[in-house]
Amino acid sequence: ANLYEAKYAQSRADFINKLEISLKECSETEYWL
């Protein structure tokens, strides 16, 4: 979902932020697994 949001980022910084949120969610998923 955050990766898809990055598609419509308002700036390069916003794009990077969305990717970093995706990465954090990926890490959280590792914990739950």
Full PDB file with SEQRES, HELIX, SHEET, SSBOND, CRYST1, ORIGX, SCALE, CONECT and MASTER records, all heavy atoms in Angstrom:
SEQRES   1 A   33  ALA ASN LEU TYR GLU ALA LYS TYR ALA GLN SER ARG ALA          
SEQRES   2 A   33  ASP PHE ILE ASN LYS LEU GLU ILE SER LEU LYS GLU CYS          
SEQRES   3 A   33  SER GLU THR GLU TYR TRP LEU                                  
HELIX    1 AA1 ASN A    2  ALA A    6  1                                   5    
HELIX    2 AA2 ARG A   12  TRP A   32  1                                  21    
CRYST1    1.000    1.000    1.000  90.00  90.00  90.00 P 1           1          
ORIGX1      1.000000  0.000000  0.000000        0.00000                         
ORIGX2      0.000000  1.000000  0.000000        0.00000                         
ORIGX3      0.000000  0.000000  1.000000        0.00000                         
SCALE1      1.000000  0.000000  0.000000        0.00000                         
SCALE2      0.000000  1.000000  0.000000        0.00000                         
SCALE3      0.000000  0.000000  1.000000        0.00000                         
ATOM      1  N   ALA A   1       0.833  -1.206   0.000  1.00  0.00           N  
ATOM      2  CA  ALA A   1       0.000   0.000   0.000  1.00  0.00           C  
ATOM      3  C   ALA A   1       0.868   1.256   0.000  1.00  0.00           C  
ATOM      4  O   ALA A   1       0.607   2.204  -0.757  1.00  0.00           O  
ATOM      5  CB  ALA A   1      -0.935  -0.007   1.211  1.00  0.00           C  
ATOM      6  N   ASN A   2       1.911   1.264   0.800  1.00  0.00           N  
ATOM      7  CA  ASN A   2       2.808   2.419   0.830  1.00  0.00           C  
ATOM      8  C   ASN A   2       3.634   2.528  -0.448  1.00  0.00           C  
ATOM      9  O   ASN A   2       3.933   3.626  -0.905  1.00  0.00           O  
ATOM     10  CB  ASN A   2       3.707   2.373   2.066  1.00  0.00           C  
ATOM     11  CG  ASN A   2       2.968   2.841   3.283  1.00  0.00           C  
ATOM     12  OD1 ASN A   2       2.705   4.023   3.437  1.00  0.00           O  
ATOM     13  ND2 ASN A   2       2.592   1.911   4.140  1.00  0.00           N  
ATOM     14  N   LEU A   3       3.961   1.404  -1.026  1.00  0.00           N  
ATOM     15  CA  LEU A   3       4.663   1.411  -2.308  1.00  0.00           C  
ATOM     16  C   LEU A   3       3.780   2.045  -3.383  1.00  0.00           C  
ATOM     17  O   LEU A   3       4.244   2.845  -4.192  1.00  0.00           O  
ATOM     18  CB  LEU A   3       5.047  -0.018  -2.691  1.00  0.00           C  
ATOM     19  CG  LEU A   3       5.925  -0.184  -3.911  1.00  0.00           C  
ATOM     20  CD1 LEU A   3       7.283   0.458  -3.699  1.00  0.00           C  
ATOM     21  CD2 LEU A   3       6.077  -1.658  -4.232  1.00  0.00           C  
ATOM     22  N   TYR A   4       2.509   1.709  -3.370  1.00  0.00           N  
ATOM     23  CA  TYR A   4       1.572   2.301  -4.327  1.00  0.00           C  
ATOM     24  C   TYR A   4       1.416   3.806  -4.080  1.00  0.00           C  
ATOM     25  O   TYR A   4       1.325   4.585  -5.018  1.00  0.00           O  
ATOM     26  CB  TYR A   4       0.210   1.598  -4.263  1.00  0.00           C  
ATOM     27  CG  TYR A   4       0.103   0.470  -5.251  1.00  0.00           C  
ATOM     28  CD1 TYR A   4       0.795  -0.713  -5.069  1.00  0.00           C  
ATOM     29  CD2 TYR A   4      -0.678   0.600  -6.393  1.00  0.00           C  
ATOM     30  CE1 TYR A   4       0.709  -1.744  -5.982  1.00  0.00           C  
ATOM     31  CE2 TYR A   4      -0.779  -0.426  -7.311  1.00  0.00           C  
ATOM     32  CZ  TYR A   4      -0.072  -1.602  -7.098  1.00  0.00           C  
ATOM     33  OH  TYR A   4      -0.158  -2.615  -8.015  1.00  0.00           O  
ATOM     34  N   GLU A   5       1.374   4.200  -2.815  1.00  0.00           N  
ATOM     35  CA  GLU A   5       1.282   5.628  -2.491  1.00  0.00           C  
ATOM     36  C   GLU A   5       2.497   6.385  -3.012  1.00  0.00           C  
ATOM     37  O   GLU A   5       2.378   7.537  -3.425  1.00  0.00           O  
ATOM     38  CB  GLU A   5       1.174   5.832  -0.979  1.00  0.00           C  
ATOM     39  CG  GLU A   5      -0.200   5.594  -0.419  1.00  0.00           C  
ATOM     40  CD  GLU A   5      -0.294   5.994   1.040  1.00  0.00           C  
ATOM     41  OE1 GLU A   5       0.258   7.051   1.418  1.00  0.00           O  
ATOM     42  OE2 GLU A   5      -0.916   5.238   1.799  1.00  0.00           O  
ATOM     43  N   ALA A   6       3.654   5.748  -3.001  1.00  0.00           N  
ATOM     44  CA  ALA A   6       4.885   6.394  -3.466  1.00  0.00           C  
ATOM     45  C   ALA A   6       4.765   6.816  -4.927  1.00  0.00           C  
ATOM     46  O   ALA A   6       5.396   7.787  -5.356  1.00  0.00           O  
ATOM     47  CB  ALA A   6       6.077   5.460  -3.271  1.00  0.00           C  
ATOM     48  N   LYS A   7       3.944   6.100  -5.678  1.00  0.00           N  
ATOM     49  CA  LYS A   7       3.731   6.421  -7.089  1.00  0.00           C  
ATOM     50  C   LYS A   7       3.246   7.851  -7.276  1.00  0.00           C  
ATOM     51  O   LYS A   7       3.543   8.489  -8.278  1.00  0.00           O  
ATOM     52  CB  LYS A   7       2.667   5.456  -7.650  1.00  0.00           C  
ATOM     53  CG  LYS A   7       3.013   4.792  -8.922  1.00  0.00           C  
ATOM     54  CD  LYS A   7       2.110   3.616  -9.242  1.00  0.00           C  
ATOM     55  CE  LYS A   7       0.689   3.913  -9.558  1.00  0.00           C  
ATOM     56  NZ  LYS A   7      -0.029   2.773 -10.137  1.00  0.00           N  
ATOM     57  N   TYR A   8       2.506   8.357  -6.323  1.00  0.00           N  
ATOM     58  CA  TYR A   8       1.915   9.695  -6.408  1.00  0.00           C  
ATOM     59  C   TYR A   8       2.516  10.647  -5.383  1.00  0.00           C  
ATOM     60  O   TYR A   8       1.850  11.579  -4.931  1.00  0.00           O  
ATOM     61  CB  TYR A   8       0.396   9.600  -6.260  1.00  0.00           C  
ATOM     62  CG  TYR A   8      -0.217   8.775  -7.362  1.00  0.00           C  
ATOM     63  CD1 TYR A   8      -0.591   7.459  -7.137  1.00  0.00           C  
ATOM     64  CD2 TYR A   8      -0.344   9.292  -8.645  1.00  0.00           C  
ATOM     65  CE1 TYR A   8      -1.116   6.678  -8.160  1.00  0.00           C  
ATOM     66  CE2 TYR A   8      -0.863   8.519  -9.678  1.00  0.00           C  
ATOM     67  CZ  TYR A   8      -1.246   7.222  -9.423  1.00  0.00           C  
ATOM     68  OH  TYR A   8      -1.752   6.450 -10.444  1.00  0.00           O  
ATOM     69  N   ALA A   9       3.760  10.408  -5.044  1.00  0.00           N  
ATOM     70  CA  ALA A   9       4.444  11.267  -4.074  1.00  0.00           C  
ATOM     71  C   ALA A   9       4.501  12.703  -4.580  1.00  0.00           C  
ATOM     72  O   ALA A   9       4.582  12.954  -5.781  1.00  0.00           O  
ATOM     73  CB  ALA A   9       5.853  10.736  -3.822  1.00  0.00           C  
ATOM     74  N   GLN A  10       4.445  13.631  -3.649  1.00  0.00           N  
ATOM     75  CA  GLN A  10       4.444  15.052  -3.999  1.00  0.00           C  
ATOM     76  C   GLN A  10       5.851  15.599  -4.224  1.00  0.00           C  
ATOM     77  O   GLN A  10       5.998  16.691  -4.762  1.00  0.00           O  
ATOM     78  CB  GLN A  10       3.734  15.848  -2.910  1.00  0.00           C  
ATOM     79  CG  GLN A  10       2.268  15.459  -2.799  1.00  0.00           C  
ATOM     80  CD  GLN A  10       1.576  16.135  -1.636  1.00  0.00           C  
ATOM     81  OE1 GLN A  10       2.217  16.662  -0.738  1.00  0.00           O  
ATOM     82  NE2 GLN A  10       0.257  16.113  -1.653  1.00  0.00           N  
ATOM     83  N   SER A  11       6.850  14.847  -3.801  1.00  0.00           N  
ATOM     84  CA  SER A  11       8.246  15.281  -3.961  1.00  0.00           C  
ATOM     85  C   SER A  11       9.151  14.058  -3.861  1.00  0.00           C  
ATOM     86  O   SER A  11       8.699  12.975  -3.492  1.00  0.00           O  
ATOM     87  CB  SER A  11       8.616  16.285  -2.864  1.00  0.00           C  
ATOM     88  OG  SER A  11       8.579  15.636  -1.595  1.00  0.00           O  
ATOM     89  N   ARG A  12      10.425  14.249  -4.164  1.00  0.00           N  
ATOM     90  CA  ARG A  12      11.400  13.157  -4.024  1.00  0.00           C  
ATOM     91  C   ARG A  12      11.478  12.729  -2.558  1.00  0.00           C  
ATOM     92  O   ARG A  12      11.529  11.541  -2.251  1.00  0.00           O  
ATOM     93  CB  ARG A  12      12.766  13.623  -4.543  1.00  0.00           C  
ATOM     94  CG  ARG A  12      13.895  12.625  -4.362  1.00  0.00           C  
ATOM     95  CD  ARG A  12      13.751  11.366  -5.141  1.00  0.00           C  
ATOM     96  NE  ARG A  12      13.826  11.626  -6.563  1.00  0.00           N  
ATOM     97  CZ  ARG A  12      13.759  10.693  -7.477  1.00  0.00           C  
ATOM     98  NH1 ARG A  12      13.643   9.428  -7.131  1.00  0.00           N  
ATOM     99  NH2 ARG A  12      13.797  10.979  -8.748  1.00  0.00           N  
ATOM    100  N   ALA A  13      11.448  13.696  -1.641  1.00  0.00           N  
ATOM    101  CA  ALA A  13      11.501  13.368  -0.212  1.00  0.00           C  
ATOM    102  C   ALA A  13      10.271  12.558   0.215  1.00  0.00           C  
ATOM    103  O   ALA A  13      10.394  11.605   0.999  1.00  0.00           O  
ATOM    104  CB  ALA A  13      11.615  14.645   0.614  1.00  0.00           C  
ATOM    105  N   ASP A  14       9.108  12.914  -0.293  1.00  0.00           N  
ATOM    106  CA  ASP A  14       7.878  12.181   0.011  1.00  0.00           C  
ATOM    107  C   ASP A  14       7.956  10.760  -0.549  1.00  0.00           C  
ATOM    108  O   ASP A  14       7.560   9.799   0.110  1.00  0.00           O  
ATOM    109  CB  ASP A  14       6.670  12.927  -0.568  1.00  0.00           C  
ATOM    110  CG  ASP A  14       5.335  12.325  -0.159  1.00  0.00           C  
ATOM    111  OD1 ASP A  14       5.220  11.817   0.975  1.00  0.00           O  
ATOM    112  OD2 ASP A  14       4.392  12.387  -0.978  1.00  0.00           O  
ATOM    113  N   PHE A  15       8.496  10.635  -1.760  1.00  0.00           N  
ATOM    114  CA  PHE A  15       8.682   9.331  -2.400  1.00  0.00           C  
ATOM    115  C   PHE A  15       9.577   8.435  -1.529  1.00  0.00           C  
ATOM    116  O   PHE A  15       9.222   7.288  -1.222  1.00  0.00           O  
ATOM    117  CB  PHE A  15       9.302   9.526  -3.791  1.00  0.00           C  
ATOM    118  CG  PHE A  15       9.621   8.252  -4.502  1.00  0.00           C  
ATOM    119  CD1 PHE A  15       8.633   7.493  -5.110  1.00  0.00           C  
ATOM    120  CD2 PHE A  15      10.942   7.797  -4.573  1.00  0.00           C  
ATOM    121  CE1 PHE A  15       8.940   6.316  -5.779  1.00  0.00           C  
ATOM    122  CE2 PHE A  15      11.254   6.623  -5.232  1.00  0.00           C  
ATOM    123  CZ  PHE A  15      10.254   5.880  -5.836  1.00  0.00           C  
ATOM    124  N   ILE A  16      10.700   8.978  -1.110  1.00  0.00           N  
ATOM    125  CA  ILE A  16      11.640   8.220  -0.269  1.00  0.00           C  
ATOM    126  C   ILE A  16      10.973   7.852   1.057  1.00  0.00           C  
ATOM    127  O   ILE A  16      11.108   6.722   1.540  1.00  0.00           O  
ATOM    128  CB  ILE A  16      12.947   9.017  -0.050  1.00  0.00           C  
ATOM    129  CG1 ILE A  16      13.711   9.119  -1.375  1.00  0.00           C  
ATOM    130  CG2 ILE A  16      13.808   8.385   1.043  1.00  0.00           C  
ATOM    131  CD1 ILE A  16      14.850  10.119  -1.382  1.00  0.00           C  
ATOM    132  N   ASN A  17      10.226   8.787   1.641  1.00  0.00           N  
ATOM    133  CA  ASN A  17       9.526   8.524   2.896  1.00  0.00           C  
ATOM    134  C   ASN A  17       8.553   7.355   2.768  1.00  0.00           C  
ATOM    135  O   ASN A  17       8.500   6.489   3.640  1.00  0.00           O  
ATOM    136  CB  ASN A  17       8.789   9.788   3.359  1.00  0.00           C  
ATOM    137  CG  ASN A  17       8.122   9.593   4.699  1.00  0.00           C  
ATOM    138  OD1 ASN A  17       8.757   9.199   5.663  1.00  0.00           O  
ATOM    139  ND2 ASN A  17       6.833   9.859   4.744  1.00  0.00           N  
ATOM    140  N   LYS A  18       7.796   7.315   1.672  1.00  0.00           N  
ATOM    141  CA  LYS A  18       6.837   6.209   1.467  1.00  0.00           C  
ATOM    142  C   LYS A  18       7.568   4.877   1.346  1.00  0.00           C  
ATOM    143  O   LYS A  18       7.121   3.860   1.873  1.00  0.00           O  
ATOM    144  CB  LYS A  18       5.986   6.440   0.218  1.00  0.00           C  
ATOM    145  CG  LYS A  18       5.106   7.661   0.277  1.00  0.00           C  
ATOM    146  CD  LYS A  18       4.017   7.546   1.297  1.00  0.00           C  
ATOM    147  CE  LYS A  18       3.067   8.716   1.164  1.00  0.00           C  
ATOM    148  NZ  LYS A  18       2.655   9.252   2.436  1.00  0.00           N  
ATOM    149  N   LEU A  19       8.703   4.887   0.627  1.00  0.00           N  
ATOM    150  CA  LEU A  19       9.490   3.654   0.509  1.00  0.00           C  
ATOM    151  C   LEU A  19      10.029   3.229   1.869  1.00  0.00           C  
ATOM    152  O   LEU A  19      10.055   2.031   2.189  1.00  0.00           O  
ATOM    153  CB  LEU A  19      10.644   3.843  -0.475  1.00  0.00           C  
ATOM    154  CG  LEU A  19      10.286   4.045  -1.940  1.00  0.00           C  
ATOM    155  CD1 LEU A  19      11.569   4.174  -2.771  1.00  0.00           C  
ATOM    156  CD2 LEU A  19       9.437   2.918  -2.478  1.00  0.00           C  
ATOM    157  N   GLU A  20      10.453   4.198   2.667  1.00  0.00           N  
ATOM    158  CA  GLU A  20      10.979   3.871   4.000  1.00  0.00           C  
ATOM    159  C   GLU A  20       9.884   3.331   4.914  1.00  0.00           C  
ATOM    160  O   GLU A  20      10.140   2.456   5.735  1.00  0.00           O  
ATOM    161  CB  GLU A  20      11.675   5.087   4.607  1.00  0.00           C  
ATOM    162  CG  GLU A  20      13.003   5.373   3.909  1.00  0.00           C  
ATOM    163  CD  GLU A  20      13.710   6.614   4.402  1.00  0.00           C  
ATOM    164  OE1 GLU A  20      13.041   7.543   4.908  1.00  0.00           O  
ATOM    165  OE2 GLU A  20      14.947   6.670   4.245  1.00  0.00           O  
ATOM    166  N   ILE A  21       8.654   3.839   4.764  1.00  0.00           N  
ATOM    167  CA  ILE A  21       7.529   3.287   5.533  1.00  0.00           C  
ATOM    168  C   ILE A  21       7.274   1.844   5.101  1.00  0.00           C  
ATOM    169  O   ILE A  21       7.056   0.968   5.948  1.00  0.00           O  
ATOM    170  CB  ILE A  21       6.265   4.155   5.382  1.00  0.00           C  
ATOM    171  CG1 ILE A  21       6.482   5.515   6.045  1.00  0.00           C  
ATOM    172  CG2 ILE A  21       5.040   3.453   5.974  1.00  0.00           C  
ATOM    173  CD1 ILE A  21       5.400   6.541   5.745  1.00  0.00           C  
ATOM    174  N   SER A  22       7.337   1.575   3.801  1.00  0.00           N  
ATOM    175  CA  SER A  22       7.196   0.197   3.308  1.00  0.00           C  
ATOM    176  C   SER A  22       8.247  -0.705   3.942  1.00  0.00           C  
ATOM    177  O   SER A  22       7.955  -1.828   4.360  1.00  0.00           O  
ATOM    178  CB  SER A  22       7.338   0.145   1.788  1.00  0.00           C  
ATOM    179  OG  SER A  22       6.208   0.647   1.158  1.00  0.00           O  
ATOM    180  N   LEU A  23       9.473  -0.197   4.024  1.00  0.00           N  
ATOM    181  CA  LEU A  23      10.571  -0.968   4.620  1.00  0.00           C  
ATOM    182  C   LEU A  23      10.299  -1.249   6.104  1.00  0.00           C  
ATOM    183  O   LEU A  23      10.541  -2.365   6.583  1.00  0.00           O  
ATOM    184  CB  LEU A  23      11.892  -0.221   4.428  1.00  0.00           C  
ATOM    185  CG  LEU A  23      13.152  -0.912   4.910  1.00  0.00           C  
ATOM    186  CD1 LEU A  23      13.360  -2.254   4.207  1.00  0.00           C  
ATOM    187  CD2 LEU A  23      14.354  -0.005   4.684  1.00  0.00           C  
ATOM    188  N   LYS A  24       9.782  -0.265   6.818  1.00  0.00           N  
ATOM    189  CA  LYS A  24       9.448  -0.468   8.234  1.00  0.00           C  
ATOM    190  C   LYS A  24       8.344  -1.512   8.387  1.00  0.00           C  
ATOM    191  O   LYS A  24       8.393  -2.351   9.292  1.00  0.00           O  
ATOM    192  CB  LYS A  24       9.006   0.849   8.874  1.00  0.00           C  
ATOM    193  CG  LYS A  24      10.145   1.816   9.103  1.00  0.00           C  
ATOM    194  CD  LYS A  24       9.634   3.115   9.697  1.00  0.00           C  
ATOM    195  CE  LYS A  24      10.772   4.093   9.899  1.00  0.00           C  
ATOM    196  NZ  LYS A  24      10.316   5.362  10.490  1.00  0.00           N  
ATOM    197  N   GLU A  25       7.345  -1.460   7.518  1.00  0.00           N  
ATOM    198  CA  GLU A  25       6.263  -2.449   7.563  1.00  0.00           C  
ATOM    199  C   GLU A  25       6.798  -3.850   7.260  1.00  0.00           C  
ATOM    200  O   GLU A  25       6.345  -4.840   7.825  1.00  0.00           O  
ATOM    201  CB  GLU A  25       5.143  -2.074   6.590  1.00  0.00           C  
ATOM    202  CG  GLU A  25       4.421  -0.796   6.937  1.00  0.00           C  
ATOM    203  CD  GLU A  25       3.602  -0.864   8.214  1.00  0.00           C  
ATOM    204  OE1 GLU A  25       3.248  -1.970   8.676  1.00  0.00           O  
ATOM    205  OE2 GLU A  25       3.303   0.216   8.770  1.00  0.00           O  
ATOM    206  N   CYS A  26       7.781  -3.908   6.378  1.00  0.00           N  
ATOM    207  CA  CYS A  26       8.421  -5.182   6.042  1.00  0.00           C  
ATOM    208  C   CYS A  26       9.129  -5.754   7.274  1.00  0.00           C  
ATOM    209  O   CYS A  26       9.043  -6.946   7.560  1.00  0.00           O  
ATOM    210  CB  CYS A  26       9.409  -4.936   4.893  1.00  0.00           C  
ATOM    211  SG  CYS A  26       9.966  -6.409   4.070  1.00  0.00           S  
ATOM    212  N   SER A  27       9.801  -4.887   8.000  1.00  0.00           N  
ATOM    213  CA  SER A  27      10.482  -5.300   9.226  1.00  0.00           C  
ATOM    214  C   SER A  27       9.480  -5.747  10.286  1.00  0.00           C  
ATOM    215  O   SER A  27       9.688  -6.760  10.969  1.00  0.00           O  
ATOM    216  CB  SER A  27      11.327  -4.136   9.747  1.00  0.00           C  
ATOM    217  OG  SER A  27      11.995  -4.506  10.918  1.00  0.00           O  
ATOM    218  N   GLU A  28       8.382  -5.011  10.418  1.00  0.00           N  
ATOM    219  CA  GLU A  28       7.343  -5.402  11.371  1.00  0.00           C  
ATOM    220  C   GLU A  28       6.763  -6.763  11.016  1.00  0.00           C  
ATOM    221  O   GLU A  28       6.516  -7.596  11.890  1.00  0.00           O  
ATOM    222  CB  GLU A  28       6.222  -4.362  11.413  1.00  0.00           C  
ATOM    223  CG  GLU A  28       5.144  -4.729  12.408  1.00  0.00           C  
ATOM    224  CD  GLU A  28       3.991  -3.744  12.470  1.00  0.00           C  
ATOM    225  OE1 GLU A  28       4.146  -2.578  12.069  1.00  0.00           O  
ATOM    226  OE2 GLU A  28       2.915  -4.166  12.926  1.00  0.00           O  
ATOM    227  N   THR A  29       6.577  -7.008   9.731  1.00  0.00           N  
ATOM    228  CA  THR A  29       6.041  -8.296   9.280  1.00  0.00           C  
ATOM    229  C   THR A  29       6.989  -9.429   9.663  1.00  0.00           C  
ATOM    230  O   THR A  29       6.536 -10.510  10.067  1.00  0.00           O  
ATOM    231  CB  THR A  29       5.803  -8.265   7.759  1.00  0.00           C  
ATOM    232  OG1 THR A  29       4.860  -7.223   7.461  1.00  0.00           O  
ATOM    233  CG2 THR A  29       5.261  -9.596   7.250  1.00  0.00           C  
ATOM    234  N   GLU A  30       8.287  -9.170   9.576  1.00  0.00           N  
ATOM    235  CA  GLU A  30       9.273 -10.178   9.987  1.00  0.00           C  
ATOM    236  C   GLU A  30       9.067 -10.551  11.457  1.00  0.00           C  
ATOM    237  O   GLU A  30       9.113 -11.727  11.828  1.00  0.00           O  
ATOM    238  CB  GLU A  30      10.686  -9.629   9.776  1.00  0.00           C  
ATOM    239  CG  GLU A  30      11.782 -10.604  10.173  1.00  0.00           C  
ATOM    240  CD  GLU A  30      13.177 -10.038   9.957  1.00  0.00           C  
ATOM    241  OE1 GLU A  30      13.334  -8.802   9.847  1.00  0.00           O  
ATOM    242  OE2 GLU A  30      14.115 -10.845   9.891  1.00  0.00           O  
ATOM    243  N   TYR A  31       8.805  -9.563  12.288  1.00  0.00           N  
ATOM    244  CA  TYR A  31       8.566  -9.792  13.709  1.00  0.00           C  
ATOM    245  C   TYR A  31       7.341 -10.690  13.935  1.00  0.00           C  
ATOM    246  O   TYR A  31       7.403 -11.676  14.674  1.00  0.00           O  
ATOM    247  CB  TYR A  31       8.382  -8.444  14.411  1.00  0.00           C  
ATOM    248  CG  TYR A  31       7.985  -8.557  15.860  1.00  0.00           C  
ATOM    249  CD1 TYR A  31       8.926  -8.887  16.836  1.00  0.00           C  
ATOM    250  CD2 TYR A  31       6.670  -8.337  16.265  1.00  0.00           C  
ATOM    251  CE1 TYR A  31       8.569  -8.994  18.168  1.00  0.00           C  
ATOM    252  CE2 TYR A  31       6.305  -8.440  17.596  1.00  0.00           C  
ATOM    253  CZ  TYR A  31       7.251  -8.770  18.546  1.00  0.00           C  
ATOM    254  OH  TYR A  31       6.897  -8.884  19.872  1.00  0.00           O  
ATOM    255  N   TRP A  32       6.225 -10.358  13.269  1.00  0.00           N  
ATOM    256  CA  TRP A  32       5.000 -11.146  13.447  1.00  0.00           C  
ATOM    257  C   TRP A  32       5.168 -12.566  12.909  1.00  0.00           C  
ATOM    258  O   TRP A  32       4.652 -13.525  13.498  1.00  0.00           O  
ATOM    259  CB  TRP A  32       3.798 -10.463  12.805  1.00  0.00           C  
ATOM    260  CG  TRP A  32       3.480  -9.140  13.444  1.00  0.00           C  
ATOM    261  CD1 TRP A  32       3.512  -7.914  12.858  1.00  0.00           C  
ATOM    262  CD2 TRP A  32       3.097  -8.917  14.805  1.00  0.00           C  
ATOM    263  NE1 TRP A  32       3.182  -6.939  13.772  1.00  0.00           N  
ATOM    264  CE2 TRP A  32       2.913  -7.528  14.980  1.00  0.00           C  
ATOM    265  CE3 TRP A  32       2.885  -9.750  15.900  1.00  0.00           C  
ATOM    266  CZ2 TRP A  32       2.541  -6.960  16.183  1.00  0.00           C  
ATOM    267  CZ3 TRP A  32       2.509  -9.188  17.111  1.00  0.00           C  
ATOM    268  CH2 TRP A  32       2.340  -7.807  17.245  1.00  0.00           C  
ATOM    269  N   LEU A  33       5.896 -12.708  11.798  1.00  0.00           N  
ATOM    270  CA  LEU A  33       6.176 -14.051  11.273  1.00  0.00           C  
ATOM    271  C   LEU A  33       6.917 -14.884  12.314  1.00  0.00           C  
ATOM    272  O   LEU A  33       6.577 -16.043  12.560  1.00  0.00           O  
ATOM    273  CB  LEU A  33       7.014 -13.977   9.995  1.00  0.00           C  
ATOM    274  CG  LEU A  33       6.318 -13.616   8.701  1.00  0.00           C  
ATOM    275  CD1 LEU A  33       7.338 -13.366   7.592  1.00  0.00           C  
ATOM    276  CD2 LEU A  33       5.337 -14.708   8.287  1.00  0.00           C  
TER     277      LEU A  33                                                      
MASTER        0    0    0    2    0    0    0    6  276    1    0    3          
END                                                                             
